[in-house]
């Protein structure tokens, strides 16, 4: 009688395979949960232009394409997360040491992408829509600010603090700036508003429209722009400017002495010499903070108010 041979190897293999299949099936949910927990959390926010932006739950790497936003990042205490900014981001002084990605109008996309930012910050009135679209095509989230008034600037910074995860710092900054504005209004409440012409550029002569945040800033400083234009940056002929006859000419510069020297040169030119403000040297020179819708905006309000209302602040002009 033939003995039936048992294939022990084959049977063991089948049994082992069955146990392995059960083990894999049992571990699959655990592995899936582990992968899900390690995946970066994403949240959606709406920026100030109404765009929906998808960001990591925690923003760790920021690129700023506007000096005002760079200043805001520092004011919120997030400078360690700022991995890049523009050639013109020079305040505070440490901002000049950050990795530069080009200008606000023509940033280097390759430089930005290499920094692997969680978000790129832009300002609608400064940065181009083409820049935003190019960054989006690279899969880089872009958050746009779009303030138009002094209070709008403060609220914009508060909102940005929430987006970047610095809510307490944003709330503190908002309160401090609002309190300083209120104090300035109290000081100026009995002083007549001064008629001013804000000079953006001298050749060609360019000023500000009534819907810009600078025009609103003037009112907080106890001034009123003599320019009434719907355009943000209207150009004027010298003859038109002379007819407006402002009480003060207002210039912005980080080097006030240079501007004063330039004004002396302007006084000798045809047209300018016909302006009463030039004849009486009623010139106010404010730091470039007045051009930046950021945390130094109230500094600019106070600077200008002191110069055009010496009667309030005990100065001479």
C-alpha atoms as a PDB file:
ATOM      1  CA  UNK A   1       0.000   0.000   0.000  1.00  0.00           C
ATOM      2  CA  UNK A   2       1.353   3.351  -0.977  1.00  0.00           C
ATOM      3  CA  UNK A   3       1.757   5.929   1.726  1.00  0.00           C
ATOM      4  CA  UNK A   4       0.288   9.311   0.984  1.00  0.00           C
ATOM      5  CA  UNK A   5       2.946  12.004   1.216  1.00  0.00           C
ATOM      6  CA  UNK A   6       2.037  15.268   2.928  1.00  0.00           C
ATOM      7  CA  UNK A   7       3.383  18.523   1.437  1.00  0.00           C
ATOM      8  CA  UNK A   8       4.216  20.184   4.778  1.00  0.00           C
ATOM      9  CA  UNK A   9       6.040  23.073   3.100  1.00  0.00           C
ATOM     10  CA  UNK A  10       3.096  24.014   0.945  1.00  0.00           C
ATOM     11  CA  UNK A  11       0.639  23.818   3.837  1.00  0.00           C
ATOM     12  CA  UNK A  12       2.833  25.975   6.051  1.00  0.00           C
ATOM     13  CA  UNK A  13       3.162  28.567   3.309  1.00  0.00           C
ATOM     14  CA  UNK A  14      -0.573  28.754   2.865  1.00  0.00           C
ATOM     15  CA  UNK A  15      -1.127  29.122   6.594  1.00  0.00           C
ATOM     16  CA  UNK A  16       1.543  31.823   6.921  1.00  0.00           C
ATOM     17  CA  UNK A  17       0.111  33.716   3.972  1.00  0.00           C
ATOM     18  CA  UNK A  18      -3.344  33.660   5.552  1.00  0.00           C
ATOM     19  CA  UNK A  19      -2.032  35.045   8.837  1.00  0.00           C
ATOM     20  CA  UNK A  20      -0.036  37.711   6.974  1.00  0.00           C
ATOM     21  CA  UNK A  21      -3.132  38.806   5.058  1.00  0.00           C
ATOM     22  CA  UNK A  22      -5.071  39.134   8.284  1.00  0.00           C
ATOM     23  CA  UNK A  23      -2.248  41.144   9.864  1.00  0.00           C
ATOM     24  CA  UNK A  24      -2.035  43.493   6.895  1.00  0.00           C
ATOM     25  CA  UNK A  25      -5.776  44.029   6.877  1.00  0.00           C
ATOM     26  CA  UNK A  26      -5.793  44.702  10.604  1.00  0.00           C
ATOM     27  CA  UNK A  27      -2.928  47.195  10.397  1.00  0.00           C
ATOM     28  CA  UNK A  28      -4.296  49.090   7.369  1.00  0.00           C
ATOM     29  CA  UNK A  29      -6.672  51.358   9.348  1.00  0.00           C
ATOM     30  CA  UNK A  30      -3.883  52.165  11.812  1.00  0.00           C
ATOM     31  CA  UNK A  31      -1.503  53.017   8.977  1.00  0.00           C
ATOM     32  CA  UNK A  32      -4.138  55.136   7.269  1.00  0.00           C
ATOM     33  CA  UNK A  33      -4.789  57.012  10.508  1.00  0.00           C
ATOM     34  CA  UNK A  34      -1.062  57.571  10.949  1.00  0.00           C
ATOM     35  CA  UNK A  35      -0.705  58.937   7.418  1.00  0.00           C
ATOM     36  CA  UNK A  36      -3.725  61.172   7.877  1.00  0.00           C
ATOM     37  CA  UNK A  37      -2.331  62.584  11.129  1.00  0.00           C
ATOM     38  CA  UNK A  38       1.029  63.310   9.522  1.00  0.00           C
ATOM     39  CA  UNK A  39      -0.528  65.126   6.531  1.00  0.00           C
ATOM     40  CA  UNK A  40      -0.336  68.939   6.918  1.00  0.00           C
ATOM     41  CA  UNK A  41      -3.617  70.519   7.984  1.00  0.00           C
ATOM     42  CA  UNK A  42      -4.973  73.055   5.507  1.00  0.00           C
ATOM     43  CA  UNK A  43      -7.376  75.903   6.164  1.00  0.00           C
ATOM     44  CA  UNK A  44      -9.130  78.394   3.924  1.00  0.00           C
ATOM     45  CA  UNK A  45      -9.144  82.149   4.456  1.00  0.00           C
ATOM     46  CA  UNK A  46     -10.548  85.000   2.396  1.00  0.00           C
ATOM     47  CA  UNK A  47      -8.117  87.811   1.664  1.00  0.00           C
ATOM     48  CA  UNK A  48      -9.029  91.492   1.351  1.00  0.00           C
ATOM     49  CA  UNK A  49      -9.721  91.230  -2.365  1.00  0.00           C
ATOM     50  CA  UNK A  50     -12.262  88.443  -1.816  1.00  0.00           C
ATOM     51  CA  UNK A  51      -9.988  85.622  -3.010  1.00  0.00           C
ATOM     52  CA  UNK A  52     -10.137  82.260  -1.256  1.00  0.00           C
ATOM     53  CA  UNK A  53      -6.649  81.247  -0.114  1.00  0.00           C
ATOM     54  CA  UNK A  54      -5.641  77.777   1.112  1.00  0.00           C
ATOM     55  CA  UNK A  55      -2.959  77.928   3.803  1.00  0.00           C
ATOM     56  CA  UNK A  56      -1.274  75.479   6.183  1.00  0.00           C
ATOM     57  CA  UNK A  57      -2.844  75.465   9.646  1.00  0.00           C
ATOM     58  CA  UNK A  58       0.431  76.930  10.918  1.00  0.00           C
ATOM     59  CA  UNK A  59       2.287  79.378   8.707  1.00  0.00           C
ATOM     60  CA  UNK A  60       6.021  78.908   9.236  1.00  0.00           C
ATOM     61  CA  UNK A  61       7.581  80.499   6.146  1.00  0.00           C
ATOM     62  CA  UNK A  62       6.569  83.944   4.850  1.00  0.00           C
ATOM     63  CA  UNK A  63       7.666  85.989   1.851  1.00  0.00           C
ATOM     64  CA  UNK A  64       6.614  89.652   1.742  1.00  0.00           C
ATOM     65  CA  UNK A  65       6.407  91.589  -1.519  1.00  0.00           C
ATOM     66  CA  UNK A  66       5.593  94.975   0.038  1.00  0.00           C
ATOM     67  CA  UNK A  67       7.551  97.130   2.507  1.00  0.00           C
ATOM     68  CA  UNK A  68       4.398  97.843   4.526  1.00  0.00           C
ATOM     69  CA  UNK A  69       3.714  94.125   4.965  1.00  0.00           C
ATOM     70  CA  UNK A  70       7.310  93.464   5.928  1.00  0.00           C
ATOM     71  CA  UNK A  71       6.949  96.111   8.635  1.00  0.00           C
ATOM     72  CA  UNK A  72       3.707  94.486   9.768  1.00  0.00           C
ATOM     73  CA  UNK A  73       5.357  91.073  10.050  1.00  0.00           C
ATOM     74  CA  UNK A  74       7.995  92.624  12.328  1.00  0.00           C
ATOM     75  CA  UNK A  75       5.394  94.527  14.361  1.00  0.00           C
ATOM     76  CA  UNK A  76       3.606  91.216  14.997  1.00  0.00           C
ATOM     77  CA  UNK A  77       6.832  89.601  16.200  1.00  0.00           C
ATOM     78  CA  UNK A  78       6.973  87.159  13.291  1.00  0.00           C
ATOM     79  CA  UNK A  79      10.300  88.242  11.794  1.00  0.00           C
ATOM     80  CA  UNK A  80      11.838  84.788  12.345  1.00  0.00           C
ATOM     81  CA  UNK A  81       9.266  83.385   9.921  1.00  0.00           C
ATOM     82  CA  UNK A  82      10.066  85.978   7.248  1.00  0.00           C
ATOM     83  CA  UNK A  83      12.329  84.112   4.828  1.00  0.00           C
ATOM     84  CA  UNK A  84      12.314  86.706   2.037  1.00  0.00           C
ATOM     85  CA  UNK A  85      11.278  90.239   1.091  1.00  0.00           C
ATOM     86  CA  UNK A  86      11.860  92.876  -1.600  1.00  0.00           C
ATOM     87  CA  UNK A  87      14.810  95.115  -2.407  1.00  0.00           C
ATOM     88  CA  UNK A  88      12.859  98.051  -0.960  1.00  0.00           C
ATOM     89  CA  UNK A  89      12.040  96.465   2.397  1.00  0.00           C
ATOM     90  CA  UNK A  90      14.396  98.465   4.612  1.00  0.00           C
ATOM     91  CA  UNK A  91      12.489  99.014   7.846  1.00  0.00           C
ATOM     92  CA  UNK A  92      13.168  98.007  10.515  1.00  0.00           C
ATOM     93  CA  UNK A  93      16.895  97.867   9.635  1.00  0.00           C
ATOM     94  CA  UNK A  94      16.965  94.093  10.109  1.00  0.00           C
ATOM     95  CA  UNK A  95      14.547  93.737   7.170  1.00  0.00           C
ATOM     96  CA  UNK A  96      17.344  94.831   4.841  1.00  0.00           C
ATOM     97  CA  UNK A  97      19.263  91.692   5.834  1.00  0.00           C
ATOM     98  CA  UNK A  98      16.538  89.294   4.709  1.00  0.00           C
ATOM     99  CA  UNK A  99      16.873  87.279   1.502  1.00  0.00           C
ATOM    100  CA  UNK A 100      15.884  89.571  -1.384  1.00  0.00           C
ATOM    101  CA  UNK A 101      13.557  88.370  -4.138  1.00  0.00           C
ATOM    102  CA  UNK A 102      13.647  91.469  -6.362  1.00  0.00           C
ATOM    103  CA  UNK A 103      11.288  94.406  -6.573  1.00  0.00           C
ATOM    104  CA  UNK A 104       7.614  94.646  -5.709  1.00  0.00           C
ATOM    105  CA  UNK A 105       6.692  95.078  -9.365  1.00  0.00           C
ATOM    106  CA  UNK A 106       9.047  92.478 -10.823  1.00  0.00           C
ATOM    107  CA  UNK A 107       9.951  89.855  -8.202  1.00  0.00           C
ATOM    108  CA  UNK A 108      12.025  86.813  -9.142  1.00  0.00           C
ATOM    109  CA  UNK A 109       9.669  83.825  -9.194  1.00  0.00           C
ATOM    110  CA  UNK A 110      12.474  81.284  -9.015  1.00  0.00           C
ATOM    111  CA  UNK A 111      13.891  82.967  -5.921  1.00  0.00           C
ATOM    112  CA  UNK A 112      10.479  82.937  -4.256  1.00  0.00           C
ATOM    113  CA  UNK A 113       9.797  79.299  -5.121  1.00  0.00           C
ATOM    114  CA  UNK A 114      13.223  78.245  -3.800  1.00  0.00           C
ATOM    115  CA  UNK A 115      12.319  79.719  -0.400  1.00  0.00           C
ATOM    116  CA  UNK A 116       9.320  77.325  -0.176  1.00  0.00           C
ATOM    117  CA  UNK A 117       6.981  79.864   1.455  1.00  0.00           C
ATOM    118  CA  UNK A 118       3.728  78.833   3.102  1.00  0.00           C
ATOM    119  CA  UNK A 119       2.330  82.179   1.959  1.00  0.00           C
ATOM    120  CA  UNK A 120       3.384  85.221  -0.056  1.00  0.00           C
ATOM    121  CA  UNK A 121       1.997  88.563   1.141  1.00  0.00           C
ATOM    122  CA  UNK A 122       1.077  91.277  -1.376  1.00  0.00           C
ATOM    123  CA  UNK A 123      -0.751  94.621  -1.477  1.00  0.00           C
ATOM    124  CA  UNK A 124      -3.266  95.126  -4.277  1.00  0.00           C
ATOM    125  CA  UNK A 125      -2.349  98.780  -4.877  1.00  0.00           C
ATOM    126  CA  UNK A 126       1.362  97.960  -5.207  1.00  0.00           C
ATOM    127  CA  UNK A 127       1.864  94.446  -6.564  1.00  0.00           C
ATOM    128  CA  UNK A 128       0.689  93.345  -9.998  1.00  0.00           C
ATOM    129  CA  UNK A 129      -2.101  90.861 -10.649  1.00  0.00           C
ATOM    130  CA  UNK A 130       0.286  89.045 -13.012  1.00  0.00           C
ATOM    131  CA  UNK A 131       2.551  88.376 -10.038  1.00  0.00           C
ATOM    132  CA  UNK A 132      -0.300  86.853  -8.059  1.00  0.00           C
ATOM    133  CA  UNK A 133      -1.326  84.623 -10.964  1.00  0.00           C
ATOM    134  CA  UNK A 134       2.245  83.471 -11.606  1.00  0.00           C
ATOM    135  CA  UNK A 135       2.650  82.485  -7.965  1.00  0.00           C
ATOM    136  CA  UNK A 136      -0.652  80.633  -7.985  1.00  0.00           C
ATOM    137  CA  UNK A 137       0.464  78.666 -11.059  1.00  0.00           C
ATOM    138  CA  UNK A 138       3.493  77.581  -9.033  1.00  0.00           C
ATOM    139  CA  UNK A 139       1.162  76.344  -6.296  1.00  0.00           C
ATOM    140  CA  UNK A 140       2.204  79.078  -3.854  1.00  0.00           C
ATOM    141  CA  UNK A 141      -0.590  80.623  -1.723  1.00  0.00           C
ATOM    142  CA  UNK A 142      -0.899  84.414  -2.037  1.00  0.00           C
ATOM    143  CA  UNK A 143      -2.663  86.643   0.502  1.00  0.00           C
ATOM    144  CA  UNK A 144      -3.510  90.178  -0.613  1.00  0.00           C
ATOM    145  CA  UNK A 145      -4.121  93.201   1.611  1.00  0.00           C
ATOM    146  CA  UNK A 146      -6.148  96.126   0.251  1.00  0.00           C
ATOM    147  CA  UNK A 147      -6.624  98.973   2.770  1.00  0.00           C
ATOM    148  CA  UNK A 148      -7.900 102.383   1.666  1.00  0.00           C
ATOM    149  CA  UNK A 149      -8.142 104.364   4.920  1.00  0.00           C
ATOM    150  CA  UNK A 150      -6.139 104.776   8.114  1.00  0.00           C
ATOM    151  CA  UNK A 151      -8.610 102.656  10.078  1.00  0.00           C
ATOM    152  CA  UNK A 152      -8.613 100.236   7.156  1.00  0.00           C
ATOM    153  CA  UNK A 153      -4.836  99.872   7.502  1.00  0.00           C
ATOM    154  CA  UNK A 154      -5.178  99.098  11.217  1.00  0.00           C
ATOM    155  CA  UNK A 155      -7.950  96.585  10.574  1.00  0.00           C
ATOM    156  CA  UNK A 156      -5.926  95.021   7.766  1.00  0.00           C
ATOM    157  CA  UNK A 157      -2.997  94.422  10.114  1.00  0.00           C
ATOM    158  CA  UNK A 158      -5.345  92.928  12.705  1.00  0.00           C
ATOM    159  CA  UNK A 159      -6.749  90.520  10.136  1.00  0.00           C
ATOM    160  CA  UNK A 160      -3.270  89.574   8.960  1.00  0.00           C
ATOM    161  CA  UNK A 161      -2.315  88.759  12.553  1.00  0.00           C
ATOM    162  CA  UNK A 162      -5.166  86.235  12.630  1.00  0.00           C
ATOM    163  CA  UNK A 163      -4.124  84.714   9.301  1.00  0.00           C
ATOM    164  CA  UNK A 164      -0.514  84.345  10.443  1.00  0.00           C
ATOM    165  CA  UNK A 165      -1.332  83.044  13.913  1.00  0.00           C
ATOM    166  CA  UNK A 166      -0.347  86.104  15.949  1.00  0.00           C
ATOM    167  CA  UNK A 167      -3.754  87.221  17.271  1.00  0.00           C
ATOM    168  CA  UNK A 168      -2.595  88.590  20.674  1.00  0.00           C
ATOM    169  CA  UNK A 169       0.096  90.743  19.044  1.00  0.00           C
ATOM    170  CA  UNK A 170      -2.436  91.961  16.460  1.00  0.00           C
ATOM    171  CA  UNK A 171      -4.954  92.931  19.131  1.00  0.00           C
ATOM    172  CA  UNK A 172      -2.291  94.798  21.095  1.00  0.00           C
ATOM    173  CA  UNK A 173      -1.073  96.645  18.001  1.00  0.00           C
ATOM    174  CA  UNK A 174      -4.611  97.629  17.041  1.00  0.00           C
ATOM    175  CA  UNK A 175      -5.385  99.056  20.483  1.00  0.00           C
ATOM    176  CA  UNK A 176      -2.141 101.007  20.671  1.00  0.00           C
ATOM    177  CA  UNK A 177      -2.641 102.629  17.257  1.00  0.00           C
ATOM    178  CA  UNK A 178      -6.308 103.439  17.834  1.00  0.00           C
ATOM    179  CA  UNK A 179      -5.457 105.050  21.187  1.00  0.00           C
ATOM    180  CA  UNK A 180      -2.759 107.231  19.603  1.00  0.00           C
ATOM    181  CA  UNK A 181      -5.136 108.314  16.840  1.00  0.00           C
ATOM    182  CA  UNK A 182      -7.784 109.262  19.395  1.00  0.00           C
ATOM    183  CA  UNK A 183      -5.249 111.281  21.371  1.00  0.00           C
ATOM    184  CA  UNK A 184      -4.230 113.157  18.221  1.00  0.00           C
ATOM    185  CA  UNK A 185      -7.841 113.988  17.379  1.00  0.00           C
ATOM    186  CA  UNK A 186      -8.324 115.387  20.862  1.00  0.00           C
ATOM    187  CA  UNK A 187      -5.308 117.671  20.456  1.00  0.00           C
ATOM    188  CA  UNK A 188      -6.419 118.946  17.055  1.00  0.00           C
ATOM    189  CA  UNK A 189     -10.145 119.303  17.694  1.00  0.00           C
ATOM    190  CA  UNK A 190     -10.035 123.106  17.984  1.00  0.00           C
ATOM    191  CA  UNK A 191      -7.532 123.706  15.166  1.00  0.00           C
ATOM    192  CA  UNK A 192      -8.725 124.660  11.670  1.00  0.00           C
ATOM    193  CA  UNK A 193      -7.743 122.179   8.962  1.00  0.00           C
ATOM    194  CA  UNK A 194      -4.788 123.220   6.790  1.00  0.00           C
ATOM    195  CA  UNK A 195      -5.061 123.024   3.001  1.00  0.00           C
ATOM    196  CA  UNK A 196      -2.156 120.965   1.667  1.00  0.00           C
ATOM    197  CA  UNK A 197      -0.811 119.622  -1.601  1.00  0.00           C
ATOM    198  CA  UNK A 198       0.880 116.237  -1.182  1.00  0.00           C
ATOM    199  CA  UNK A 199       3.703 115.914  -3.705  1.00  0.00           C
ATOM    200  CA  UNK A 200       4.256 112.349  -4.880  1.00  0.00           C
ATOM    201  CA  UNK A 201       6.583 113.418  -7.687  1.00  0.00           C
ATOM    202  CA  UNK A 202       7.784 116.766  -9.003  1.00  0.00           C
ATOM    203  CA  UNK A 203       8.495 115.994 -12.677  1.00  0.00           C
ATOM    204  CA  UNK A 204       5.848 115.386 -13.791  1.00  0.00           C
ATOM    205  CA  UNK A 205       3.970 116.896 -10.874  1.00  0.00           C
ATOM    206  CA  UNK A 206       1.887 114.172  -9.247  1.00  0.00           C
ATOM    207  CA  UNK A 207      -0.337 114.096  -6.175  1.00  0.00           C
ATOM    208  CA  UNK A 208      -2.902 111.832  -4.481  1.00  0.00           C
ATOM    209  CA  UNK A 209      -6.583 111.166  -5.117  1.00  0.00           C
ATOM    210  CA  UNK A 210      -9.250 111.474  -2.455  1.00  0.00           C
ATOM    211  CA  UNK A 211      -9.759 107.697  -2.184  1.00  0.00           C
ATOM    212  CA  UNK A 212      -6.189 106.892  -1.173  1.00  0.00           C
ATOM    213  CA  UNK A 213      -5.198 106.079   2.397  1.00  0.00           C
ATOM    214  CA  UNK A 214      -2.776 109.036   2.283  1.00  0.00           C
ATOM    215  CA  UNK A 215      -5.649 111.459   1.684  1.00  0.00           C
ATOM    216  CA  UNK A 216      -7.395 109.961   4.706  1.00  0.00           C
ATOM    217  CA  UNK A 217      -4.180 110.195   6.711  1.00  0.00           C
ATOM    218  CA  UNK A 218      -4.047 113.933   6.005  1.00  0.00           C
ATOM    219  CA  UNK A 219      -7.393 114.433   7.723  1.00  0.00           C
ATOM    220  CA  UNK A 220      -6.142 112.729  10.894  1.00  0.00           C
ATOM    221  CA  UNK A 221      -3.207 115.150  10.848  1.00  0.00           C
ATOM    222  CA  UNK A 222      -5.496 118.171  10.697  1.00  0.00           C
ATOM    223  CA  UNK A 223      -5.124 118.713   6.962  1.00  0.00           C
ATOM    224  CA  UNK A 224      -7.217 118.592   3.805  1.00  0.00           C
ATOM    225  CA  UNK A 225      -5.873 117.805   0.359  1.00  0.00           C
ATOM    226  CA  UNK A 226      -6.574 120.551  -2.174  1.00  0.00           C
ATOM    227  CA  UNK A 227      -6.636 117.824  -4.827  1.00  0.00           C
ATOM    228  CA  UNK A 228     -10.102 116.483  -5.567  1.00  0.00           C
ATOM    229  CA  UNK A 229      -9.573 113.621  -7.994  1.00  0.00           C
ATOM    230  CA  UNK A 230     -11.054 110.168  -8.481  1.00  0.00           C
ATOM    231  CA  UNK A 231      -7.677 108.942  -9.740  1.00  0.00           C
ATOM    232  CA  UNK A 232      -5.333 107.559  -7.112  1.00  0.00           C
ATOM    233  CA  UNK A 233      -2.247 109.305  -8.466  1.00  0.00           C
ATOM    234  CA  UNK A 234      -3.380 112.281 -10.619  1.00  0.00           C
ATOM    235  CA  UNK A 235      -0.900 114.413 -12.561  1.00  0.00           C
ATOM    236  CA  UNK A 236      -1.090 118.189 -12.587  1.00  0.00           C
ATOM    237  CA  UNK A 237       0.401 120.979 -14.585  1.00  0.00           C
ATOM    238  CA  UNK A 238       2.277 123.628 -12.645  1.00  0.00           C
ATOM    239  CA  UNK A 239      -0.382 126.170 -13.619  1.00  0.00           C
ATOM    240  CA  UNK A 240      -3.145 123.988 -12.136  1.00  0.00           C
ATOM    241  CA  UNK A 241      -1.210 123.500  -8.912  1.00  0.00           C
ATOM    242  CA  UNK A 242      -0.585 127.231  -8.540  1.00  0.00           C
ATOM    243  CA  UNK A 243      -4.304 127.934  -8.896  1.00  0.00           C
ATOM    244  CA  UNK A 244      -4.983 125.584  -5.963  1.00  0.00           C
ATOM    245  CA  UNK A 245      -2.683 127.686  -3.725  1.00  0.00           C
ATOM    246  CA  UNK A 246      -2.250 125.238  -0.828  1.00  0.00           C
ATOM    247  CA  UNK A 247      -1.118 126.512   2.562  1.00  0.00           C
ATOM    248  CA  UNK A 248       1.482 123.756   2.770  1.00  0.00           C
ATOM    249  CA  UNK A 249       3.365 121.489   0.409  1.00  0.00           C
ATOM    250  CA  UNK A 250       3.910 118.015   1.869  1.00  0.00           C
ATOM    251  CA  UNK A 251       6.767 115.766   0.785  1.00  0.00           C
ATOM    252  CA  UNK A 252       7.718 112.266   1.876  1.00  0.00           C
ATOM    253  CA  UNK A 253      11.316 111.200   2.269  1.00  0.00           C
ATOM    254  CA  UNK A 254      13.574 109.160   4.517  1.00  0.00           C
ATOM    255  CA  UNK A 255      16.138 111.970   4.085  1.00  0.00           C
ATOM    256  CA  UNK A 256      14.370 115.205   5.005  1.00  0.00           C
ATOM    257  CA  UNK A 257      17.444 117.385   4.488  1.00  0.00           C
ATOM    258  CA  UNK A 258      17.699 116.250   0.870  1.00  0.00           C
ATOM    259  CA  UNK A 259      14.084 117.230   0.259  1.00  0.00           C
ATOM    260  CA  UNK A 260      14.579 120.650   1.830  1.00  0.00           C
ATOM    261  CA  UNK A 261      17.526 121.229  -0.485  1.00  0.00           C
ATOM    262  CA  UNK A 262      15.399 120.122  -3.421  1.00  0.00           C
ATOM    263  CA  UNK A 263      12.667 122.547  -2.384  1.00  0.00           C
ATOM    264  CA  UNK A 264      15.161 125.396  -2.394  1.00  0.00           C
ATOM    265  CA  UNK A 265      16.009 124.419  -5.967  1.00  0.00           C
ATOM    266  CA  UNK A 266      12.321 124.238  -6.889  1.00  0.00           C
ATOM    267  CA  UNK A 267      11.796 127.766  -5.574  1.00  0.00           C
ATOM    268  CA  UNK A 268      13.937 129.093  -8.392  1.00  0.00           C
ATOM    269  CA  UNK A 269      11.966 127.348 -11.130  1.00  0.00           C
ATOM    270  CA  UNK A 270       9.162 129.033 -13.089  1.00  0.00           C
ATOM    271  CA  UNK A 271       5.760 128.196 -11.696  1.00  0.00           C
ATOM    272  CA  UNK A 272       6.927 126.942  -8.324  1.00  0.00           C
ATOM    273  CA  UNK A 273       8.010 130.401  -7.285  1.00  0.00           C
ATOM    274  CA  UNK A 274       4.419 131.575  -7.784  1.00  0.00           C
ATOM    275  CA  UNK A 275       3.161 129.247  -5.066  1.00  0.00           C
ATOM    276  CA  UNK A 276       2.581 130.984  -1.768  1.00  0.00           C
ATOM    277  CA  UNK A 277       3.646 127.883   0.136  1.00  0.00           C
ATOM    278  CA  UNK A 278       7.038 128.054  -1.571  1.00  0.00           C
ATOM    279  CA  UNK A 279       7.386 131.792  -0.973  1.00  0.00           C
ATOM    280  CA  UNK A 280       6.646 131.387   2.739  1.00  0.00           C
ATOM    281  CA  UNK A 281       8.590 128.112   2.958  1.00  0.00           C
ATOM    282  CA  UNK A 282       5.515 126.308   4.277  1.00  0.00           C
ATOM    283  CA  UNK A 283       7.016 122.899   3.620  1.00  0.00           C
ATOM    284  CA  UNK A 284       6.336 119.725   5.596  1.00  0.00           C
ATOM    285  CA  UNK A 285       8.652 116.768   5.126  1.00  0.00           C
ATOM    286  CA  UNK A 286       7.449 113.472   6.559  1.00  0.00           C
ATOM    287  CA  UNK A 287       9.271 110.144   6.666  1.00  0.00           C
ATOM    288  CA  UNK A 288       8.443 107.545   4.039  1.00  0.00           C
ATOM    289  CA  UNK A 289       6.156 105.933   6.633  1.00  0.00           C
ATOM    290  CA  UNK A 290       3.431 108.107   5.095  1.00  0.00           C
ATOM    291  CA  UNK A 291       3.703 106.061   1.880  1.00  0.00           C
ATOM    292  CA  UNK A 292       3.437 102.695   3.631  1.00  0.00           C
ATOM    293  CA  UNK A 293       0.068 101.390   4.846  1.00  0.00           C
ATOM    294  CA  UNK A 294       1.611  99.641   7.834  1.00  0.00           C
ATOM    295  CA  UNK A 295       2.339  99.927  11.555  1.00  0.00           C
ATOM    296  CA  UNK A 296       4.107 103.321  11.273  1.00  0.00           C
ATOM    297  CA  UNK A 297       1.048 104.997   9.813  1.00  0.00           C
ATOM    298  CA  UNK A 298       0.258 106.808  13.063  1.00  0.00           C
ATOM    299  CA  UNK A 299       3.889 107.937  13.276  1.00  0.00           C
ATOM    300  CA  UNK A 300       3.292 109.705   9.956  1.00  0.00           C
ATOM    301  CA  UNK A 301       0.055 111.270  11.258  1.00  0.00           C
ATOM    302  CA  UNK A 302       1.898 112.655  14.286  1.00  0.00           C
ATOM    303  CA  UNK A 303       4.900 113.854  12.239  1.00  0.00           C
ATOM    304  CA  UNK A 304       2.741 115.831   9.847  1.00  0.00           C
ATOM    305  CA  UNK A 305       0.475 117.251  12.544  1.00  0.00           C
ATOM    306  CA  UNK A 306       3.449 118.659  14.460  1.00  0.00           C
ATOM    307  CA  UNK A 307       4.720 120.451  11.363  1.00  0.00           C
ATOM    308  CA  UNK A 308       1.510 122.001  10.083  1.00  0.00           C
ATOM    309  CA  UNK A 309       0.026 122.772  13.526  1.00  0.00           C
ATOM    310  CA  UNK A 310       2.947 124.278  15.452  1.00  0.00           C
ATOM    311  CA  UNK A 311       0.447 126.264  17.513  1.00  0.00           C
ATOM    312  CA  UNK A 312      -0.769 123.016  19.060  1.00  0.00           C
ATOM    313  CA  UNK A 313       2.601 121.424  19.681  1.00  0.00           C
ATOM    314  CA  UNK A 314       4.554 124.486  20.720  1.00  0.00           C
ATOM    315  CA  UNK A 315       6.786 124.563  17.659  1.00  0.00           C
ATOM    316  CA  UNK A 316       7.583 127.204  15.087  1.00  0.00           C
ATOM    317  CA  UNK A 317       6.972 127.195  11.365  1.00  0.00           C
END
